[in-house]
Amino acid sequence: MLVGSERWLDVAERIARSDDPKLVAHVLFAEARKFGFTASAFGVIAPILGVQGGAFFFSNWPDGWARYYIERGFVSGDPTVQGAKQRIAPFTTNEHVAQAGVSPIGRELLEECRSHRWLDALVIPMHGHGGHLAVAVFAGEEATIDPAARTTLQSLAYVSHQQVGNLSNRMPPPASLTPRERDCLRWVAAGKTDWDIGCLLGISQATAHFHIENAKRKLNCSTRAQAAALVASLL
């Protein structure tokens, strides 16, 4: 059994050999689970609309959580997002709240997280050129984050981010979202169906669905909730 630095190197090599961004996220999340983190996310949160360097977002959140998060507008007060935009070094959600405080909507989000037994989260911001910001978030049932988990997952998140970037560079860059695609995703973030969006925008249900599917493809998202979350993070 590999331990210490040997184990870290083994996992890092598996990530570096991965030929699919989804596989990179799978390996990263599997390692996080070994430290007791039951809900993880890994992706770009800015910039999205210009799609610089590719956009991606992966998570192993419970079914329905992403949609509920978007519908409640939690992104506007999420201490994870706010802290990632302000900080360079890894931090925990509780650390950021203790130092910077939390808004009412952020407090509601934290209560919802506690109801899922996510007592704290390790947040690893990864900043790049042109305002690029990716983040890895690992939430779990422990109120205290193990220093070994912090060190290991920070290193693996950096390796994962680099590998996804390498894989993105091998593919043609995605086009920017059209104004109509952005409009549709904003209504998705508000919990609207394709039929609702069609009525609101004066287009058919099929056309609304077409725009949403195009946006998902451009943003490299597997679900409409993930795509809407990426756009909502910039509003």
C-alpha atoms as a PDB file:
ATOM      1  CA  MET A   1       0.000   0.000   0.000  1.00  0.00           C
ATOM      2  CA  LEU A   2       1.364   3.411  -0.937  1.00  0.00           C
ATOM      3  CA  VAL A   3       1.661   6.013   1.806  1.00  0.00           C
ATOM      4  CA  GLY A   4       2.799   9.611   2.137  1.00  0.00           C
ATOM      5  CA  SER A   5       4.590  11.126  -0.829  1.00  0.00           C
ATOM      6  CA  GLU A   6       4.525   7.840  -2.783  1.00  0.00           C
ATOM      7  CA  ARG A   7       0.734   7.741  -2.645  1.00  0.00           C
ATOM      8  CA  TRP A   8       0.491  11.408  -3.645  1.00  0.00           C
ATOM      9  CA  LEU A   9       2.761  10.812  -6.623  1.00  0.00           C
ATOM     10  CA  ASP A  10       0.750   7.770  -7.684  1.00  0.00           C
ATOM     11  CA  VAL A  11      -2.497   9.773  -7.692  1.00  0.00           C
ATOM     12  CA  ALA A  12      -0.845  12.742  -9.431  1.00  0.00           C
ATOM     13  CA  GLU A  13       0.467  10.434 -12.163  1.00  0.00           C
ATOM     14  CA  ARG A  14      -2.998   8.956 -12.706  1.00  0.00           C
ATOM     15  CA  ILE A  15      -4.406  12.460 -13.087  1.00  0.00           C
ATOM     16  CA  ALA A  16      -1.621  13.437 -15.506  1.00  0.00           C
ATOM     17  CA  ARG A  17      -2.316  10.322 -17.602  1.00  0.00           C
ATOM     18  CA  SER A  18      -6.060  10.979 -17.779  1.00  0.00           C
ATOM     19  CA  ASP A  19      -7.247  11.774 -21.294  1.00  0.00           C
ATOM     20  CA  ASP A  20     -10.680  13.128 -20.328  1.00  0.00           C
ATOM     21  CA  PRO A  21     -11.466  16.073 -18.002  1.00  0.00           C
ATOM     22  CA  LYS A  22     -14.285  14.059 -16.428  1.00  0.00           C
ATOM     23  CA  LEU A  23     -11.804  11.339 -15.502  1.00  0.00           C
ATOM     24  CA  VAL A  24      -9.532  13.961 -13.930  1.00  0.00           C
ATOM     25  CA  ALA A  25     -12.423  15.096 -11.716  1.00  0.00           C
ATOM     26  CA  HIS A  26     -13.314  11.477 -10.895  1.00  0.00           C
ATOM     27  CA  VAL A  27      -9.799  10.716  -9.629  1.00  0.00           C
ATOM     28  CA  LEU A  28      -9.664  13.982  -7.652  1.00  0.00           C
ATOM     29  CA  PHE A  29     -13.059  13.373  -6.008  1.00  0.00           C
ATOM     30  CA  ALA A  30     -12.144   9.764  -5.182  1.00  0.00           C
ATOM     31  CA  GLU A  31      -9.062  10.979  -3.329  1.00  0.00           C
ATOM     32  CA  ALA A  32     -11.147  13.581  -1.488  1.00  0.00           C
ATOM     33  CA  ARG A  33     -13.520  10.871  -0.281  1.00  0.00           C
ATOM     34  CA  LYS A  34     -10.580   9.132   1.397  1.00  0.00           C
ATOM     35  CA  PHE A  35     -10.280  12.199   3.619  1.00  0.00           C
ATOM     36  CA  GLY A  36     -13.995  12.151   4.437  1.00  0.00           C
ATOM     37  CA  PHE A  37     -15.190  14.770   1.951  1.00  0.00           C
ATOM     38  CA  THR A  38     -18.569  13.606   0.666  1.00  0.00           C
ATOM     39  CA  ALA A  39     -19.427  16.462  -1.710  1.00  0.00           C
ATOM     40  CA  SER A  40     -16.897  17.985  -4.099  1.00  0.00           C
ATOM     41  CA  ALA A  41     -16.883  20.419  -7.004  1.00  0.00           C
ATOM     42  CA  PHE A  42     -14.132  21.435  -9.412  1.00  0.00           C
ATOM     43  CA  GLY A  43     -14.456  24.026 -12.140  1.00  0.00           C
ATOM     44  CA  VAL A  44     -14.002  27.479 -13.611  1.00  0.00           C
ATOM     45  CA  ILE A  45     -16.088  30.270 -12.113  1.00  0.00           C
ATOM     46  CA  ALA A  46     -14.628  33.248 -14.056  1.00  0.00           C
ATOM     47  CA  PRO A  47     -14.453  34.335 -16.779  1.00  0.00           C
ATOM     48  CA  ILE A  48     -17.178  32.253 -18.424  1.00  0.00           C
ATOM     49  CA  LEU A  49     -18.923  34.378 -20.990  1.00  0.00           C
ATOM     50  CA  GLY A  50     -15.719  34.960 -22.941  1.00  0.00           C
ATOM     51  CA  VAL A  51     -14.723  31.296 -22.463  1.00  0.00           C
ATOM     52  CA  GLN A  52     -11.021  31.999 -22.080  1.00  0.00           C
ATOM     53  CA  GLY A  53      -8.958  28.830 -21.819  1.00  0.00           C
ATOM     54  CA  GLY A  54     -12.023  26.612 -21.761  1.00  0.00           C
ATOM     55  CA  ALA A  55     -14.814  26.277 -19.226  1.00  0.00           C
ATOM     56  CA  PHE A  56     -15.608  23.223 -17.152  1.00  0.00           C
ATOM     57  CA  PHE A  57     -17.537  22.329 -14.038  1.00  0.00           C
ATOM     58  CA  PHE A  58     -17.788  18.924 -12.355  1.00  0.00           C
ATOM     59  CA  SER A  59     -19.341  17.866  -9.072  1.00  0.00           C
ATOM     60  CA  ASN A  60     -20.586  14.836  -7.186  1.00  0.00           C
ATOM     61  CA  TRP A  61     -23.279  16.800  -5.382  1.00  0.00           C
ATOM     62  CA  PRO A  62     -26.512  15.028  -4.412  1.00  0.00           C
ATOM     63  CA  ASP A  63     -29.304  15.039  -6.979  1.00  0.00           C
ATOM     64  CA  GLY A  64     -31.198  18.303  -6.920  1.00  0.00           C
ATOM     65  CA  TRP A  65     -28.638  20.286  -4.923  1.00  0.00           C
ATOM     66  CA  ALA A  66     -27.287  22.287  -7.879  1.00  0.00           C
ATOM     67  CA  ARG A  67     -30.794  23.285  -8.991  1.00  0.00           C
ATOM     68  CA  TYR A  68     -31.821  24.232  -5.441  1.00  0.00           C
ATOM     69  CA  TYR A  69     -28.611  26.257  -5.000  1.00  0.00           C
ATOM     70  CA  ILE A  70     -29.347  28.189  -8.207  1.00  0.00           C
ATOM     71  CA  GLU A  71     -33.055  28.690  -7.526  1.00  0.00           C
ATOM     72  CA  ARG A  72     -32.335  30.113  -4.064  1.00  0.00           C
ATOM     73  CA  GLY A  73     -29.734  32.504  -5.487  1.00  0.00           C
ATOM     74  CA  PHE A  74     -27.115  31.251  -3.054  1.00  0.00           C
ATOM     75  CA  VAL A  75     -24.239  32.195  -5.356  1.00  0.00           C
ATOM     76  CA  SER A  76     -24.733  35.886  -4.466  1.00  0.00           C
ATOM     77  CA  GLY A  77     -23.761  35.237  -0.845  1.00  0.00           C
ATOM     78  CA  ASP A  78     -21.759  32.024  -1.031  1.00  0.00           C
ATOM     79  CA  PRO A  79     -18.670  32.499   1.199  1.00  0.00           C
ATOM     80  CA  THR A  80     -16.910  29.853  -0.884  1.00  0.00           C
ATOM     81  CA  VAL A  81     -17.230  31.924  -4.066  1.00  0.00           C
ATOM     82  CA  GLN A  82     -16.528  35.218  -2.312  1.00  0.00           C
ATOM     83  CA  GLY A  83     -13.454  33.850  -0.583  1.00  0.00           C
ATOM     84  CA  ALA A  84     -12.087  32.280  -3.756  1.00  0.00           C
ATOM     85  CA  LYS A  85     -12.306  35.634  -5.555  1.00  0.00           C
ATOM     86  CA  GLN A  86     -10.490  37.422  -2.721  1.00  0.00           C
ATOM     87  CA  ARG A  87      -7.861  34.881  -1.679  1.00  0.00           C
ATOM     88  CA  ILE A  88      -4.898  33.113  -3.229  1.00  0.00           C
ATOM     89  CA  ALA A  89      -4.106  30.473  -0.605  1.00  0.00           C
ATOM     90  CA  PRO A  90      -6.448  27.580   0.276  1.00  0.00           C
ATOM     91  CA  PHE A  91      -8.926  28.268   3.074  1.00  0.00           C
ATOM     92  CA  THR A  92     -11.939  26.721   4.742  1.00  0.00           C
ATOM     93  CA  THR A  93     -15.439  28.135   4.627  1.00  0.00           C
ATOM     94  CA  ASN A  94     -15.474  28.528   8.419  1.00  0.00           C
ATOM     95  CA  GLU A  95     -12.161  30.404   8.326  1.00  0.00           C
ATOM     96  CA  HIS A  96     -13.487  32.856   5.741  1.00  0.00           C
ATOM     97  CA  VAL A  97     -16.739  33.434   7.626  1.00  0.00           C
ATOM     98  CA  ALA A  98     -14.857  34.041  10.887  1.00  0.00           C
ATOM     99  CA  GLN A  99     -12.670  36.665   9.227  1.00  0.00           C
ATOM    100  CA  ALA A 100     -15.010  38.303   6.715  1.00  0.00           C
ATOM    101  CA  GLY A 101     -18.479  37.626   8.079  1.00  0.00           C
ATOM    102  CA  VAL A 102     -21.428  36.320   6.090  1.00  0.00           C
ATOM    103  CA  SER A 103     -24.530  37.829   4.486  1.00  0.00           C
ATOM    104  CA  PRO A 104     -28.074  36.677   5.338  1.00  0.00           C
ATOM    105  CA  ILE A 105     -28.283  34.621   2.123  1.00  0.00           C
ATOM    106  CA  GLY A 106     -24.858  33.159   2.917  1.00  0.00           C
ATOM    107  CA  ARG A 107     -26.032  32.242   6.409  1.00  0.00           C
ATOM    108  CA  GLU A 108     -29.062  30.501   4.918  1.00  0.00           C
ATOM    109  CA  LEU A 109     -26.741  28.573   2.587  1.00  0.00           C
ATOM    110  CA  LEU A 110     -24.564  27.463   5.507  1.00  0.00           C
ATOM    111  CA  GLU A 111     -27.637  26.224   7.382  1.00  0.00           C
ATOM    112  CA  GLU A 112     -28.683  24.209   4.339  1.00  0.00           C
ATOM    113  CA  CYS A 113     -25.180  22.758   4.118  1.00  0.00           C
ATOM    114  CA  ARG A 114     -25.322  21.720   7.767  1.00  0.00           C
ATOM    115  CA  SER A 115     -28.605  19.948   7.090  1.00  0.00           C
ATOM    116  CA  HIS A 116     -26.632  17.816   4.595  1.00  0.00           C
ATOM    117  CA  ARG A 117     -23.958  17.301   7.299  1.00  0.00           C
ATOM    118  CA  TRP A 118     -21.449  19.452   5.441  1.00  0.00           C
ATOM    119  CA  LEU A 119     -19.950  21.170   8.475  1.00  0.00           C
ATOM    120  CA  ASP A 120     -17.032  22.779   6.669  1.00  0.00           C
ATOM    121  CA  ALA A 121     -15.409  22.871   3.252  1.00  0.00           C
ATOM    122  CA  LEU A 122     -11.845  23.118   2.030  1.00  0.00           C
ATOM    123  CA  VAL A 123     -11.633  25.665  -0.806  1.00  0.00           C
ATOM    124  CA  ILE A 124      -8.681  25.841  -3.200  1.00  0.00           C
ATOM    125  CA  PRO A 125      -8.661  28.896  -5.520  1.00  0.00           C
ATOM    126  CA  MET A 126      -6.582  28.747  -8.704  1.00  0.00           C
ATOM    127  CA  HIS A 127      -6.050  32.130 -10.359  1.00  0.00           C
ATOM    128  CA  GLY A 128      -4.717  32.689 -13.865  1.00  0.00           C
ATOM    129  CA  HIS A 129      -4.282  35.315 -16.547  1.00  0.00           C
ATOM    130  CA  GLY A 130      -7.129  37.567 -17.627  1.00  0.00           C
ATOM    131  CA  GLY A 131      -9.167  37.085 -14.478  1.00  0.00           C
ATOM    132  CA  HIS A 132      -9.304  33.296 -14.868  1.00  0.00           C
ATOM    133  CA  LEU A 133     -10.445  31.668 -11.644  1.00  0.00           C
ATOM    134  CA  ALA A 134     -10.952  27.966 -11.065  1.00  0.00           C
ATOM    135  CA  VAL A 135     -11.824  26.465  -7.716  1.00  0.00           C
ATOM    136  CA  ALA A 136     -11.898  23.068  -6.063  1.00  0.00           C
ATOM    137  CA  VAL A 137     -14.286  22.691  -3.124  1.00  0.00           C
ATOM    138  CA  PHE A 138     -14.381  19.678  -0.815  1.00  0.00           C
ATOM    139  CA  ALA A 139     -17.166  19.548   1.786  1.00  0.00           C
ATOM    140  CA  GLY A 140     -17.504  16.997   4.559  1.00  0.00           C
ATOM    141  CA  GLU A 141     -18.829  16.103   7.977  1.00  0.00           C
ATOM    142  CA  GLU A 142     -15.729  17.109   9.937  1.00  0.00           C
ATOM    143  CA  ALA A 143     -15.735  20.556  11.535  1.00  0.00           C
ATOM    144  CA  THR A 144     -11.924  20.539  11.536  1.00  0.00           C
ATOM    145  CA  ILE A 145      -9.984  20.000   8.305  1.00  0.00           C
ATOM    146  CA  ASP A 146      -7.017  17.632   8.630  1.00  0.00           C
ATOM    147  CA  PRO A 147      -3.748  19.435   7.690  1.00  0.00           C
ATOM    148  CA  ALA A 148      -2.734  16.377   5.643  1.00  0.00           C
ATOM    149  CA  ALA A 149      -5.972  16.647   3.654  1.00  0.00           C
ATOM    150  CA  ARG A 150      -5.346  20.324   3.027  1.00  0.00           C
ATOM    151  CA  THR A 151      -1.818  19.747   1.744  1.00  0.00           C
ATOM    152  CA  THR A 152      -2.618  16.708  -0.391  1.00  0.00           C
ATOM    153  CA  LEU A 153      -5.788  18.047  -1.983  1.00  0.00           C
ATOM    154  CA  GLN A 154      -4.201  21.422  -2.676  1.00  0.00           C
ATOM    155  CA  SER A 155      -1.426  19.712  -4.638  1.00  0.00           C
ATOM    156  CA  LEU A 156      -3.808  17.392  -6.467  1.00  0.00           C
ATOM    157  CA  ALA A 157      -6.176  20.249  -7.330  1.00  0.00           C
ATOM    158  CA  TYR A 158      -3.279  22.124  -8.953  1.00  0.00           C
ATOM    159  CA  VAL A 159      -2.278  19.028 -10.929  1.00  0.00           C
ATOM    160  CA  SER A 160      -5.912  18.490 -11.971  1.00  0.00           C
ATOM    161  CA  HIS A 161      -6.303  22.090 -13.077  1.00  0.00           C
ATOM    162  CA  GLN A 162      -3.131  21.867 -15.133  1.00  0.00           C
ATOM    163  CA  GLN A 163      -4.197  18.603 -16.778  1.00  0.00           C
ATOM    164  CA  VAL A 164      -7.663  19.878 -17.677  1.00  0.00           C
ATOM    165  CA  GLY A 165      -5.967  22.930 -19.184  1.00  0.00           C
ATOM    166  CA  ASN A 166      -3.640  20.691 -21.191  1.00  0.00           C
ATOM    167  CA  LEU A 167      -6.573  18.653 -22.470  1.00  0.00           C
ATOM    168  CA  SER A 168      -8.533  21.811 -23.349  1.00  0.00           C
ATOM    169  CA  ASN A 169      -5.600  23.121 -25.391  1.00  0.00           C
ATOM    170  CA  ARG A 170      -5.748  20.011 -27.578  1.00  0.00           C
ATOM    171  CA  MET A 171      -9.311  20.787 -28.604  1.00  0.00           C
ATOM    172  CA  PRO A 172     -10.664  23.684 -30.690  1.00  0.00           C
ATOM    173  CA  PRO A 173     -11.628  26.582 -28.406  1.00  0.00           C
ATOM    174  CA  PRO A 174     -15.383  26.808 -27.784  1.00  0.00           C
ATOM    175  CA  ALA A 175     -17.340  29.747 -29.100  1.00  0.00           C
ATOM    176  CA  SER A 176     -18.656  32.442 -26.785  1.00  0.00           C
ATOM    177  CA  LEU A 177     -22.246  32.256 -25.639  1.00  0.00           C
ATOM    178  CA  THR A 178     -24.754  34.188 -27.726  1.00  0.00           C
ATOM    179  CA  PRO A 179     -27.030  36.727 -26.023  1.00  0.00           C
ATOM    180  CA  ARG A 180     -29.966  34.332 -26.465  1.00  0.00           C
ATOM    181  CA  GLU A 181     -28.038  31.459 -24.888  1.00  0.00           C
ATOM    182  CA  ARG A 182     -27.182  33.662 -21.924  1.00  0.00           C
ATOM    183  CA  ASP A 183     -30.814  34.707 -21.544  1.00  0.00           C
ATOM    184  CA  CYS A 184     -31.961  31.098 -21.580  1.00  0.00           C
ATOM    185  CA  LEU A 185     -29.409  30.054 -18.956  1.00  0.00           C
ATOM    186  CA  ARG A 186     -30.391  32.931 -16.695  1.00  0.00           C
ATOM    187  CA  TRP A 187     -33.977  31.679 -16.767  1.00  0.00           C
ATOM    188  CA  VAL A 188     -32.750  28.122 -16.154  1.00  0.00           C
ATOM    189  CA  ALA A 189     -30.990  29.512 -13.069  1.00  0.00           C
ATOM    190  CA  ALA A 190     -34.377  30.894 -11.982  1.00  0.00           C
ATOM    191  CA  GLY A 191     -35.850  27.392 -12.161  1.00  0.00           C
ATOM    192  CA  LYS A 192     -37.795  27.828 -15.396  1.00  0.00           C
ATOM    193  CA  THR A 193     -38.584  24.955 -17.781  1.00  0.00           C
ATOM    194  CA  ASP A 194     -38.014  25.039 -21.538  1.00  0.00           C
ATOM    195  CA  TRP A 195     -41.715  25.816 -21.986  1.00  0.00           C
ATOM    196  CA  ASP A 196     -41.551  28.678 -19.451  1.00  0.00           C
ATOM    197  CA  ILE A 197     -38.443  30.123 -21.106  1.00  0.00           C
ATOM    198  CA  GLY A 198     -40.067  29.943 -24.523  1.00  0.00           C
ATOM    199  CA  CYS A 199     -43.041  31.931 -23.267  1.00  0.00           C
ATOM    200  CA  LEU A 200     -40.859  34.502 -21.501  1.00  0.00           C
ATOM    201  CA  LEU A 201     -38.610  35.070 -24.513  1.00  0.00           C
ATOM    202  CA  GLY A 202     -41.257  34.749 -27.211  1.00  0.00           C
ATOM    203  CA  ILE A 203     -39.717  31.635 -28.775  1.00  0.00           C
ATOM    204  CA  SER A 204     -40.836  28.028 -29.045  1.00  0.00           C
ATOM    205  CA  GLN A 205     -40.091  25.421 -26.393  1.00  0.00           C
ATOM    206  CA  ALA A 206     -37.940  23.553 -28.910  1.00  0.00           C
ATOM    207  CA  THR A 207     -35.913  26.691 -29.685  1.00  0.00           C
ATOM    208  CA  ALA A 208     -35.340  27.362 -25.994  1.00  0.00           C
ATOM    209  CA  HIS A 209     -34.140  23.785 -25.557  1.00  0.00           C
ATOM    210  CA  PHE A 210     -31.858  24.179 -28.579  1.00  0.00           C
ATOM    211  CA  HIS A 211     -30.182  27.273 -27.102  1.00  0.00           C
ATOM    212  CA  ILE A 212     -29.691  25.609 -23.721  1.00  0.00           C
ATOM    213  CA  GLU A 213     -28.140  22.503 -25.264  1.00  0.00           C
ATOM    214  CA  ASN A 214     -25.796  24.686 -27.340  1.00  0.00           C
ATOM    215  CA  ALA A 215     -24.723  26.561 -24.208  1.00  0.00           C
ATOM    216  CA  LYS A 216     -24.090  23.288 -22.346  1.00  0.00           C
ATOM    217  CA  ARG A 217     -21.864  22.103 -25.177  1.00  0.00           C
ATOM    218  CA  LYS A 218     -19.889  25.351 -25.294  1.00  0.00           C
ATOM    219  CA  LEU A 219     -19.379  25.348 -21.524  1.00  0.00           C
ATOM    220  CA  ASN A 220     -18.488  21.640 -21.443  1.00  0.00           C
ATOM    221  CA  CYS A 221     -21.290  20.968 -18.942  1.00  0.00           C
ATOM    222  CA  SER A 222     -23.237  17.731 -18.753  1.00  0.00           C
ATOM    223  CA  THR A 223     -26.343  19.246 -17.130  1.00  0.00           C
ATOM    224  CA  ARG A 224     -28.290  22.456 -17.556  1.00  0.00           C
ATOM    225  CA  ALA A 225     -27.951  23.170 -13.820  1.00  0.00           C
ATOM    226  CA  GLN A 226     -24.159  23.140 -14.111  1.00  0.00           C
ATOM    227  CA  ALA A 227     -24.232  25.481 -17.105  1.00  0.00           C
ATOM    228  CA  ALA A 228     -26.605  27.857 -15.344  1.00  0.00           C
ATOM    229  CA  ALA A 229     -24.401  27.803 -12.231  1.00  0.00           C
ATOM    230  CA  LEU A 230     -21.395  28.906 -14.275  1.00  0.00           C
ATOM    231  CA  VAL A 231     -23.267  31.854 -15.742  1.00  0.00           C
ATOM    232  CA  ALA A 232     -24.991  32.710 -12.453  1.00  0.00           C
ATOM    233  CA  SER A 233     -21.608  33.035 -10.729  1.00  0.00           C
ATOM    234  CA  LEU A 234     -20.911  36.108 -12.887  1.00  0.00           C
ATOM    235  CA  LEU A 235     -24.224  37.891 -12.351  1.00  0.00           C
END
